[in-house]
Protein backbone atom coordinates (compact mmCIF):
# COMPACT_ATOMS: atom_id res chain seq x y z
CA UNK A 1 49.87 17.68 68.48
CA UNK A 2 48.55 14.75 70.59
CA UNK A 3 44.92 14.76 71.78
CA UNK A 4 45.77 13.19 75.10
CA UNK A 5 48.24 13.91 77.95
CA UNK A 6 51.64 12.28 77.74
CA UNK A 7 54.03 11.58 80.75
CA UNK A 8 57.60 11.04 79.82
CA UNK A 9 59.95 9.89 82.61
CA UNK A 10 63.51 10.96 82.31
CA UNK A 11 62.63 13.07 79.15
CA UNK A 12 65.89 14.96 79.80
CA UNK A 13 68.32 12.68 81.61
CA UNK A 14 70.56 14.40 84.08
CA UNK A 15 68.68 17.45 83.70
CA UNK A 16 70.23 20.48 85.67
CA UNK A 17 68.42 23.63 86.61
CA UNK A 18 68.79 26.58 84.24
CA UNK A 19 68.13 28.95 87.15
CA UNK A 20 68.08 28.94 90.97
CA UNK A 21 65.45 30.49 92.90
CA UNK A 22 67.90 33.44 93.64
CA UNK A 23 68.30 33.94 89.92
CA UNK A 24 64.51 33.92 89.40
CA UNK A 25 64.00 36.47 92.15
CA UNK A 26 66.48 38.81 90.52
CA UNK A 27 64.63 38.44 87.18
CA UNK A 28 61.26 39.10 88.98
CA UNK A 29 62.67 42.38 90.24
CA UNK A 30 63.28 43.65 86.81
CA UNK A 31 60.60 45.98 85.23
CA UNK A 32 61.36 44.13 81.85
CA UNK A 33 60.05 40.75 83.18
CA UNK A 34 56.41 39.69 83.49
CA UNK A 35 56.11 38.07 86.90
CA UNK A 36 53.50 37.28 89.63
CA UNK A 37 53.08 35.58 92.86
CA UNK A 38 49.95 33.41 93.74
CA UNK A 39 49.43 32.50 97.40
CA UNK A 40 46.86 30.00 98.74
CA UNK A 41 45.29 30.27 102.16
CA UNK A 42 42.75 27.53 102.49
CA UNK A 43 40.31 27.87 99.80
CA UNK A 44 41.10 31.45 98.92
CA UNK A 45 43.66 32.79 96.60
CA UNK A 46 45.88 35.89 96.35
CA UNK A 47 47.73 37.21 93.38
CA UNK A 48 50.29 39.98 93.06
CA UNK A 49 51.85 41.22 90.11
CA UNK A 50 55.54 42.15 89.67
CA UNK A 51 58.06 43.49 89.50
CA UNK A 52 58.91 42.50 93.07
CA UNK A 53 61.49 43.52 95.60
CA UNK A 54 64.06 40.79 96.05
CA UNK A 55 63.78 41.32 99.83
CA UNK A 56 60.13 40.78 99.75
CA UNK A 57 60.47 37.51 98.00
CA UNK A 58 63.05 36.44 100.43
CA UNK A 59 60.70 37.06 103.32
CA UNK A 60 57.89 34.95 101.79
CA UNK A 61 56.40 32.20 104.14
CA UNK A 62 57.71 28.68 104.13
CA UNK A 63 54.71 27.15 102.46
CA UNK A 64 51.81 27.78 99.84
CA UNK A 65 53.25 30.23 97.50
CA UNK A 66 54.40 30.25 93.89
CA UNK A 67 56.42 32.69 91.74
CA UNK A 68 55.96 32.63 88.17
CA UNK A 69 58.22 34.47 85.57
CA UNK A 70 57.31 34.47 81.89
CA UNK A 71 59.83 34.60 79.20
CA UNK A 72 62.89 33.41 81.06
CA UNK A 73 64.33 32.43 77.63
CA UNK A 74 64.70 36.16 77.11
CA UNK A 75 67.02 36.42 80.13
CA UNK A 76 68.67 33.02 80.50
CA UNK A 77 70.66 31.51 77.53
CA UNK A 78 70.09 28.07 78.79
CA UNK A 79 66.27 28.58 78.83
CA UNK A 80 66.50 29.84 75.14
CA UNK A 81 68.41 26.55 74.36
CA UNK A 82 65.68 24.54 75.97
CA UNK A 83 63.07 26.25 74.02
CA UNK A 84 64.84 25.42 70.82
CA UNK A 85 64.75 21.82 71.60
CA UNK A 86 61.17 21.99 70.55
CA UNK A 87 62.28 23.06 67.09
CA UNK A 88 60.56 19.81 65.72
CA UNK A 89 57.48 22.16 65.88
CA UNK A 90 57.07 25.28 63.73
CA UNK A 91 58.69 28.41 65.32
CA UNK A 92 55.37 30.19 64.57
CA UNK A 93 53.77 27.99 67.28
CA UNK A 94 56.56 28.39 69.99
CA UNK A 95 55.89 30.96 72.70
CA UNK A 96 58.19 31.09 75.68
CA UNK A 97 59.66 29.41 78.77
CA UNK A 98 57.82 30.28 82.01
CA UNK A 99 59.58 29.14 85.27
CA UNK A 100 57.80 28.71 88.45
CA UNK A 101 59.40 28.48 91.74
CA UNK A 102 57.08 27.04 94.55
CA UNK A 103 57.35 26.46 98.14
CA UNK A 104 55.79 23.13 99.56
CA UNK A 105 52.11 23.18 99.05
CA UNK A 106 52.51 25.97 96.43
CA UNK A 107 50.57 26.01 93.25
CA UNK A 108 48.23 28.11 91.10
CA UNK A 109 45.12 25.93 91.57
CA UNK A 110 43.18 23.80 89.04
CA UNK A 111 43.01 25.57 85.79
CA UNK A 112 42.87 24.78 81.97
CA UNK A 113 45.13 26.41 79.34
CA UNK A 114 43.96 27.19 75.74
CA UNK A 115 47.28 25.94 74.33
CA UNK A 116 49.53 22.99 74.31
CA UNK A 117 52.02 22.98 77.17
CA UNK A 118 55.13 20.91 78.15
CA UNK A 119 55.84 20.90 81.92
CA UNK A 120 59.44 19.84 82.58
CA UNK A 121 60.25 19.20 86.30
CA UNK A 122 63.53 20.76 87.57
CA UNK A 123 64.62 20.58 91.36
CA UNK A 124 62.17 19.18 93.69
CA UNK A 125 59.02 17.20 93.16
CA UNK A 126 55.48 18.27 91.94
CA UNK A 127 52.32 16.35 92.11
CA UNK A 128 50.02 16.90 89.11
CA UNK A 129 46.36 15.92 88.90
CA UNK A 130 44.67 16.09 85.59
CA UNK A 131 41.12 16.01 84.25
CA UNK A 132 39.70 15.89 80.76
CA UNK A 133 38.22 18.91 78.99
CA UNK A 134 34.70 19.79 80.18
CA UNK A 135 32.60 23.04 80.26
CA UNK A 136 34.60 25.61 82.10
CA UNK A 137 33.26 27.13 85.19
CA UNK A 138 35.34 29.59 87.02
CA UNK A 139 35.37 30.48 90.68
CA UNK A 140 34.17 34.04 90.54
CA UNK A 141 35.90 34.90 93.93
CA UNK A 142 39.32 33.92 92.76
CA UNK A 143 41.67 36.65 91.25
CA UNK A 144 42.82 34.23 88.66
CA UNK A 145 41.06 31.55 86.46
CA UNK A 146 40.43 28.63 88.87
CA UNK A 147 38.12 25.89 87.96
CA UNK A 148 35.17 25.52 90.24
CA UNK A 149 34.50 22.25 89.07
CA UNK A 150 37.64 19.94 88.84
CA UNK A 151 37.30 16.23 88.95
CA UNK A 152 40.74 14.77 88.29
CA UNK A 153 41.01 11.37 86.60
CA UNK A 154 44.72 10.78 86.79
CA UNK A 155 47.75 11.77 89.06
CA UNK A 156 51.32 11.76 88.73
CA UNK A 157 54.46 12.89 90.57
CA UNK A 158 57.16 14.61 88.53
CA UNK A 159 60.82 14.34 89.56
CA UNK A 160 63.78 16.20 87.98
CA UNK A 161 63.98 15.55 84.21
CA UNK A 162 60.41 14.17 83.94
CA UNK A 163 57.96 16.00 81.68
CA UNK A 164 54.20 15.99 81.25
CA UNK A 165 52.53 17.23 78.04
CA UNK A 166 48.86 18.49 78.29
CA UNK A 167 46.85 19.30 75.24
CA UNK A 168 44.57 22.48 75.23
CA UNK A 169 41.63 22.29 77.54
CA UNK A 170 42.78 19.66 79.95
CA UNK A 171 42.34 20.75 83.48
CA UNK A 172 45.47 20.37 85.64
CA UNK A 173 46.45 21.22 89.23
CA UNK A 174 50.21 21.14 90.31
CA UNK A 175 51.20 21.14 93.87
CA UNK A 176 54.85 21.30 95.10
CA UNK A 177 55.91 18.54 97.39
CA UNK A 178 59.18 20.14 98.13
CA UNK A 179 60.64 23.52 97.25
CA UNK A 180 60.65 23.11 93.47
CA UNK A 181 61.20 24.58 89.95
CA UNK A 182 59.05 23.84 87.15
CA UNK A 183 59.71 24.75 83.52
CA UNK A 184 56.53 25.34 81.34
CA UNK A 185 57.22 25.49 77.57
CA UNK A 186 54.10 27.22 76.04
CA UNK A 187 52.80 27.44 72.58
CA UNK A 188 50.84 30.04 70.54
CA UNK A 189 47.27 29.20 69.81
CA UNK A 190 45.43 32.49 68.91
CA UNK A 191 41.72 32.45 69.14
CA UNK A 192 39.42 33.49 66.17
CA UNK A 193 38.60 36.64 68.24
CA UNK A 194 42.23 37.43 68.78
CA UNK A 195 43.02 37.12 65.14
CA UNK A 196 40.07 39.13 63.97
CA UNK A 197 40.80 42.10 66.42
CA UNK A 198 44.55 42.00 65.40
CA UNK A 199 43.58 42.04 61.72
CA UNK A 200 41.29 45.08 62.17
CA UNK A 201 43.93 46.84 64.24
CA UNK A 202 46.35 46.30 61.15
CA UNK A 203 44.00 48.20 58.94
CA UNK A 204 44.07 51.24 61.10
CA UNK A 205 47.16 52.70 59.38
CA UNK A 206 45.44 52.16 56.03
CA UNK A 207 42.40 54.20 56.84
CA UNK A 208 42.64 57.69 55.54
CA UNK A 209 39.20 59.26 56.00
CA UNK A 210 38.54 63.04 55.60
CA UNK A 211 36.32 65.42 57.64
CA UNK A 212 35.78 66.36 61.20
CA UNK A 213 32.78 66.92 63.42
CA UNK A 214 31.43 70.41 63.17
CA UNK A 215 28.01 72.05 64.28
CA UNK A 216 28.13 75.80 63.23
CA UNK A 217 24.43 76.07 63.63
CA UNK A 218 24.19 74.69 67.26
CA UNK A 219 21.71 76.36 69.40
CA UNK A 220 21.49 76.64 73.30
CA UNK A 221 20.09 73.70 75.11
CA UNK A 222 18.49 72.98 78.49
CA UNK A 223 19.54 69.42 78.33
CA UNK A 224 23.41 69.39 77.85
CA UNK A 225 23.83 65.72 78.52
CA UNK A 226 21.14 64.66 76.01
CA UNK A 227 22.51 63.00 72.68
CA UNK A 228 20.16 64.51 70.23
CA UNK A 229 19.60 63.45 66.67
CA UNK A 230 21.64 66.36 65.30
CA UNK A 231 24.78 65.26 67.06
CA UNK A 232 24.24 61.58 66.18
CA UNK A 233 23.53 62.28 62.56
CA UNK A 234 26.59 64.26 62.21
CA UNK A 235 28.68 61.73 63.76
CA UNK A 236 27.14 58.91 61.79
CA UNK A 237 27.93 60.74 58.49
CA UNK A 238 31.50 60.67 59.43
CA UNK A 239 31.26 56.90 59.76
CA UNK A 240 29.37 56.48 56.41
CA UNK A 241 30.46 53.46 54.62
CA UNK A 242 31.95 51.66 57.73
CA UNK A 243 30.78 48.08 58.50
CA UNK A 244 27.86 47.41 60.69
CA UNK A 245 24.21 48.53 60.83
CA UNK A 246 23.20 52.16 61.56
CA UNK A 247 21.88 51.26 65.12
CA UNK A 248 25.38 49.46 65.93
CA UNK A 249 27.25 52.53 64.77
CA UNK A 250 25.00 54.83 66.82
CA UNK A 251 25.65 52.79 70.10
CA UNK A 252 29.27 52.97 69.39
CA UNK A 253 29.13 56.75 68.85
CA UNK A 254 27.31 57.16 72.06
CA UNK A 255 29.85 55.14 73.98
CA UNK A 256 32.74 56.92 72.36
CA UNK A 257 31.40 60.38 73.22
CA UNK A 258 31.07 59.36 76.89
CA UNK A 259 34.56 57.94 77.14
CA UNK A 260 36.86 59.88 79.54
CA UNK A 261 40.37 60.52 78.54
CA UNK A 262 42.73 57.60 78.92
CA UNK A 263 44.73 59.04 81.82
CA UNK A 264 41.67 59.47 84.07
CA UNK A 265 41.77 57.27 87.24
CA UNK A 266 39.73 56.90 90.41
CA UNK A 267 40.69 55.43 93.79
CA UNK A 268 39.15 52.31 95.09
CA UNK A 269 36.72 52.60 98.06
CA UNK A 270 38.34 51.87 101.54
CA UNK A 271 35.16 51.11 103.20
CA UNK A 272 32.06 50.45 100.97
CA UNK A 273 28.72 51.27 102.44
CA UNK A 274 25.52 49.15 102.03
CA UNK A 275 22.64 50.17 99.87
CA UNK A 276 20.66 51.39 102.76
CA UNK A 277 23.24 53.70 104.11
CA UNK A 278 23.91 54.84 100.46
CA UNK A 279 20.15 55.71 99.94
CA UNK A 280 20.11 57.60 103.28
CA UNK A 281 23.30 59.58 102.32
CA UNK A 282 21.66 60.66 99.11
CA UNK A 283 18.48 61.75 101.01
CA UNK A 284 20.51 63.69 103.42
CA UNK A 285 23.26 65.09 101.22
CA UNK A 286 22.06 64.81 97.60
CA UNK A 287 24.22 63.28 94.96
CA UNK A 288 26.69 64.43 92.37
CA UNK A 289 28.96 63.16 89.66
CA UNK A 290 32.70 62.99 90.08
CA UNK A 291 34.29 65.81 88.01
CA UNK A 292 35.92 63.39 85.46
CA UNK A 293 32.72 61.44 84.89
CA UNK A 294 31.04 61.80 81.54
CA UNK A 295 27.31 60.90 81.76
CA UNK A 296 25.12 61.22 78.61
CA UNK A 297 21.75 59.91 77.57
CA UNK A 298 19.75 59.07 74.61
CA UNK A 299 16.10 58.14 75.33
CA UNK A 300 16.21 55.72 78.36
CA UNK A 301 19.72 54.61 77.78
CA UNK A 302 22.45 56.07 79.76
CA UNK A 303 26.03 56.31 78.56
CA UNK A 304 28.55 56.57 81.42
CA UNK A 305 32.24 56.77 80.84
CA UNK A 306 32.00 54.40 77.87
CA UNK A 307 29.36 51.94 79.11
CA UNK A 308 25.70 51.73 78.38
CA UNK A 309 22.86 51.33 80.94
CA UNK A 310 19.07 50.95 80.42
CA UNK A 311 17.20 52.62 83.13
CA UNK A 312 13.43 52.54 82.34
CA UNK A 313 11.81 53.38 85.70
CA UNK A 314 14.71 55.53 86.92
CA UNK A 315 15.34 57.29 83.57
CA UNK A 316 13.81 60.57 84.54
CA UNK A 317 15.82 61.22 87.75
CA UNK A 318 18.96 59.85 86.18
CA UNK A 319 18.66 62.10 83.09
CA UNK A 320 18.32 65.08 85.63
CA UNK A 321 21.50 63.89 87.29
CA UNK A 322 23.25 63.86 83.82
CA UNK A 323 22.04 67.36 82.89
CA UNK A 324 22.80 69.04 86.30
CA UNK A 325 25.76 66.92 87.33
CA UNK A 326 24.16 66.76 90.75
CA UNK A 327 20.81 66.24 92.57
CA UNK A 328 19.59 68.13 95.63
CA UNK A 329 18.83 66.19 98.87
CA UNK A 330 15.37 64.67 98.62
CA UNK A 331 13.48 62.66 101.16
CA UNK A 332 13.01 59.86 98.58
CA UNK A 333 14.83 58.88 95.43
CA UNK A 334 13.27 56.27 93.06
CA UNK A 335 14.19 52.79 94.30
CA UNK A 336 15.55 51.84 90.81
CA UNK A 337 17.69 55.01 90.62
CA UNK A 338 19.21 54.25 94.03
CA UNK A 339 19.74 50.61 93.19
CA UNK A 340 21.54 51.51 89.91
CA UNK A 341 23.67 54.27 91.58
CA UNK A 342 24.48 51.71 94.36
CA UNK A 343 25.38 48.97 91.87
CA UNK A 344 27.77 51.35 90.01
CA UNK A 345 29.34 52.24 93.45
CA UNK A 346 29.86 48.58 94.53
CA UNK A 347 31.33 47.47 91.29
CA UNK A 348 33.70 50.40 91.22
CA UNK A 349 36.59 52.18 92.98
CA UNK A 350 35.39 54.91 95.46
CA UNK A 351 36.79 57.19 97.82
CA UNK A 352 35.56 59.77 100.35
CA UNK A 353 36.98 63.16 99.57
CA UNK A 354 37.88 65.68 102.29
CA UNK A 355 34.84 68.04 102.39
CA UNK A 356 37.07 70.99 101.41
CA UNK A 357 38.87 69.34 98.58
CA UNK A 358 37.75 68.17 95.18
CA UNK A 359 40.10 66.84 92.51
CA UNK A 360 39.34 66.90 88.78
CA UNK A 361 41.34 64.05 87.28
CA UNK A 362 41.41 61.42 89.99
CA UNK A 363 39.28 60.60 93.04
CA UNK A 364 40.77 62.17 96.25
CA UNK A 365 42.38 59.72 98.93
CA UNK A 366 40.37 59.37 102.06
CA UNK A 367 41.21 61.60 105.10
CA UNK A 368 44.11 59.94 106.80
CA UNK A 369 45.41 58.58 103.50
CA UNK A 370 44.74 55.44 101.47
CA UNK A 371 46.92 52.70 100.27
CA UNK A 372 44.58 51.88 97.34
CA UNK A 373 46.11 52.02 93.70
CA UNK A 374 44.49 54.24 91.13
CA UNK A 375 42.41 52.52 88.58
CA UNK A 376 40.74 53.21 85.20
CA UNK A 377 37.03 53.63 85.95
CA UNK A 378 33.71 54.75 84.63
CA UNK A 379 30.57 55.78 86.61
CA UNK A 380 31.20 58.21 89.33
CA UNK A 381 28.23 59.23 91.59
CA UNK A 382 28.78 60.92 95.05
CA UNK A 383 27.08 62.18 98.05
CA UNK A 384 27.71 65.72 99.00
CA UNK A 385 31.35 64.85 100.11
CA UNK A 386 31.81 61.64 98.45
CA UNK A 387 33.10 60.34 95.00
CA UNK A 388 31.54 56.89 93.81
CA UNK A 389 33.15 55.29 90.79
CA UNK A 390 32.22 52.30 88.74
CA UNK A 391 34.80 50.18 87.03
CA UNK A 392 34.71 49.64 83.39
CA UNK A 393 36.52 47.63 80.58
CA UNK A 394 37.82 50.12 77.94
CA UNK A 395 36.26 49.49 74.48
CA UNK A 396 39.08 50.86 72.39
CA UNK A 397 39.93 48.97 69.36
CA UNK A 398 43.70 49.02 70.09
CA UNK A 399 44.25 47.97 73.62
CA UNK A 400 46.66 50.27 75.60
CA UNK A 401 50.20 49.01 76.32
CA UNK A 402 50.61 47.26 79.61
CA UNK A 403 51.79 49.62 82.32
CA UNK A 404 54.42 48.41 84.78
CA UNK A 405 55.18 49.67 88.26
CA UNK A 406 57.94 52.20 88.37
CA UNK A 407 59.40 50.40 91.39
CA UNK A 408 59.45 47.09 92.90
CA UNK A 409 56.14 45.88 94.45
CA UNK A 410 56.03 44.56 97.89
CA UNK A 411 53.94 41.54 98.68
């Protein structure tokens, strides 16, 4: 495709919208649709994932919000016909028609796509500012990929029937001038990483290896969290002939053995505490691992719920925590250990359990209730009555299917 943006005035003369805002609201309420709402408040952004209750969408404020619905061509025959207008390109490259409904001032912020996109304006007007590709730096505070450095070099206002083409990598920021509908025709452009992972996943059904881990001569141990050479050697023998150096396979085995089951969730902390208060809590009440947490170690490397951590200065005390699942109150805990535990706590979900109640599978809601959603997590450390859980990204080769909410989400 072209290497530069292209603005086409009146690309589809007399274009009439394929959906109304009410139609889009109905689609966004379906659990079969992928939808999200982006709201802007000054320099901050809020993101909510669908499905959405229709009443919630109808109660949205008068400005600065955008509803985006992917794959509208799966629900609306006219959107499918619009997608087929681009049959001058290979079907293997066509993706879907996304429709956005925006209130005045609404938009999703400056961003860059990794694929070609055609933006066809429906009802209303939208101002687009665009910038050539540059090194991407994202706003770490935003819940979506917002460019932190965006220097537009051109601007245009699209009216009904106008279309803007943008090549991959071009920064763009669209702001609704009126209540408007925009149709985004996207294209597939897989990355080398995506193709490689998908190819390796396709080999899974062709792998037929025999054998299972066994240790008939195992002896009692005083260090149950330690990953000894005997365990590692037995696991590595099962992986004999697989790609990768021995050290790489060993790191994989250690992470794999510390992986919780896929259904394990923990609740996000309602009121995180600072590092000083955290250290004082450990001194007064000790610290323990949440029941669902798996914490192992090999040398000075800790493997906690599928993640690896190096803890040189704190290795001794953290190994004891791994072996005993708890540490008694102590006047002082090594600063490095407290810092690592607190870092896990801050990057995680956490909840304070009622003193008389301990759950095994998921962290318990705070006394008085919590509106926090359960999350997949890793590291869990706790004071005598608290669970602290650190978030993780699953490292399974085959990604889990996306789970949709059973009911409609309220904004």
